[in-house]
Protein backbone atom coordinates (compact mmCIF):
# COMPACT_ATOMS: atom_id res chain seq x y z
CA MET A 1 129.59 55.97 102.82
CA CYS A 2 126.11 54.18 103.33
CA ASP A 3 125.70 55.80 106.89
CA GLU A 4 126.41 59.21 105.03
CA MET A 5 123.71 58.45 102.96
CA THR A 6 121.45 57.73 105.88
CA LYS A 7 122.21 60.27 107.75
CA LYS A 8 121.59 62.56 104.74
CA PHE A 9 118.26 60.90 103.67
CA VAL A 10 117.31 61.23 107.92
CA GLU A 11 118.13 64.66 108.08
CA GLU A 12 116.33 65.72 104.70
CA GLU A 13 113.04 63.35 105.73
CA VAL A 14 113.03 65.01 109.86
CA LYS A 15 112.44 68.44 107.71
CA THR A 16 109.09 67.26 106.40
CA LEU A 17 107.95 64.61 109.10
CA LYS A 18 104.71 63.33 108.62
CA GLU A 19 102.57 61.63 111.88
CA SER A 20 102.49 57.86 111.40
CA SER A 21 99.33 56.48 111.25
CA TYR A 22 100.58 53.12 113.25
CA LYS A 23 101.03 53.76 117.18
CA SER A 24 102.07 49.93 117.50
CA TYR A 25 104.42 47.49 116.13
CA ASP A 26 101.69 45.37 116.81
CA ASP A 27 99.55 46.68 114.39
CA LEU A 28 102.22 46.36 111.57
CA PRO A 29 101.48 43.25 108.57
CA LEU A 30 103.98 40.65 108.44
CA PHE A 31 105.52 42.28 105.89
CA LEU A 32 105.98 46.07 104.70
CA ASN A 33 105.62 47.62 101.08
CA ALA A 34 107.31 50.86 100.70
CA ALA A 35 104.17 52.54 101.52
CA THR A 36 103.80 50.88 104.60
CA VAL A 37 107.38 51.49 105.37
CA ALA A 38 106.94 55.37 104.57
CA LYS A 39 103.87 55.41 106.74
CA VAL A 40 105.16 53.84 109.82
CA LEU A 41 108.34 56.13 109.43
CA GLY A 42 106.40 59.54 108.93
CA VAL A 43 107.89 60.17 105.51
CA SER A 44 106.76 60.48 101.78
CA PRO A 45 106.19 57.27 99.79
CA SER A 46 109.14 58.15 97.40
CA SER A 47 111.27 58.18 100.42
CA GLY A 48 110.28 54.98 101.86
CA TYR A 49 110.89 53.35 98.14
CA GLU A 50 114.57 55.16 98.01
CA LEU A 51 115.41 53.75 101.84
CA MET A 52 114.31 50.24 100.17
CA HIS A 53 117.07 50.64 98.24
CA GLU A 54 119.63 51.29 100.27
CA PRO A 55 122.00 48.79 101.05
CA GLY A 56 121.90 47.51 104.64
CA PHE A 57 117.98 47.71 104.58
CA PRO A 58 116.08 44.39 105.37
CA VAL A 59 114.62 44.00 101.84
CA LEU A 60 112.97 40.60 100.80
CA ARG A 61 113.01 40.27 97.10
CA VAL A 62 109.86 37.65 95.81
CA GLY A 63 110.41 38.16 92.18
CA SER A 64 109.77 42.14 90.85
CA ARG A 65 108.40 42.57 94.31
CA MET A 66 109.88 44.12 97.41
CA VAL A 67 108.89 43.09 100.84
CA VAL A 68 110.42 44.07 104.34
CA PRO A 69 109.65 41.06 107.05
CA LYS A 70 107.87 43.28 109.71
CA GLU A 71 110.22 41.65 112.60
CA GLN A 72 114.09 42.44 110.70
CA PHE A 73 112.16 46.05 110.18
CA ILE A 74 111.59 46.34 113.99
CA ARG A 75 115.17 45.35 114.17
CA TRP A 76 116.69 47.91 111.79
CA VAL A 77 115.01 50.61 113.91
CA ASN A 78 116.11 49.69 117.11
CA GLU A 79 119.29 49.33 115.91
CA ARG A 80 119.09 53.15 114.55
CA VAL A 81 117.26 54.66 117.68
CA GLY A 82 119.50 52.78 120.07
CA GLY A 83 117.12 50.30 122.01
CA ASP A 84 113.73 49.69 122.68
CA VAL A 85 111.10 51.43 120.64
């Protein structure tokens, strides 16, 4: 079911894809917030926030704050695109 939700999420976002302001993973901070996740993926801020609540997405909770470790985010992306990006 999670894969179906992720697939639906990706299909909806491709329709409104925005260009990422990041050109390299080296430019990313060590921890990404929802807005940064959205910018990297080229999706809306609300979609970045929703994605961070998806099961299996590599979120680290620090109190009430949610962040994504850079290396885990890169790994998550690579697993979904089938290789190095």
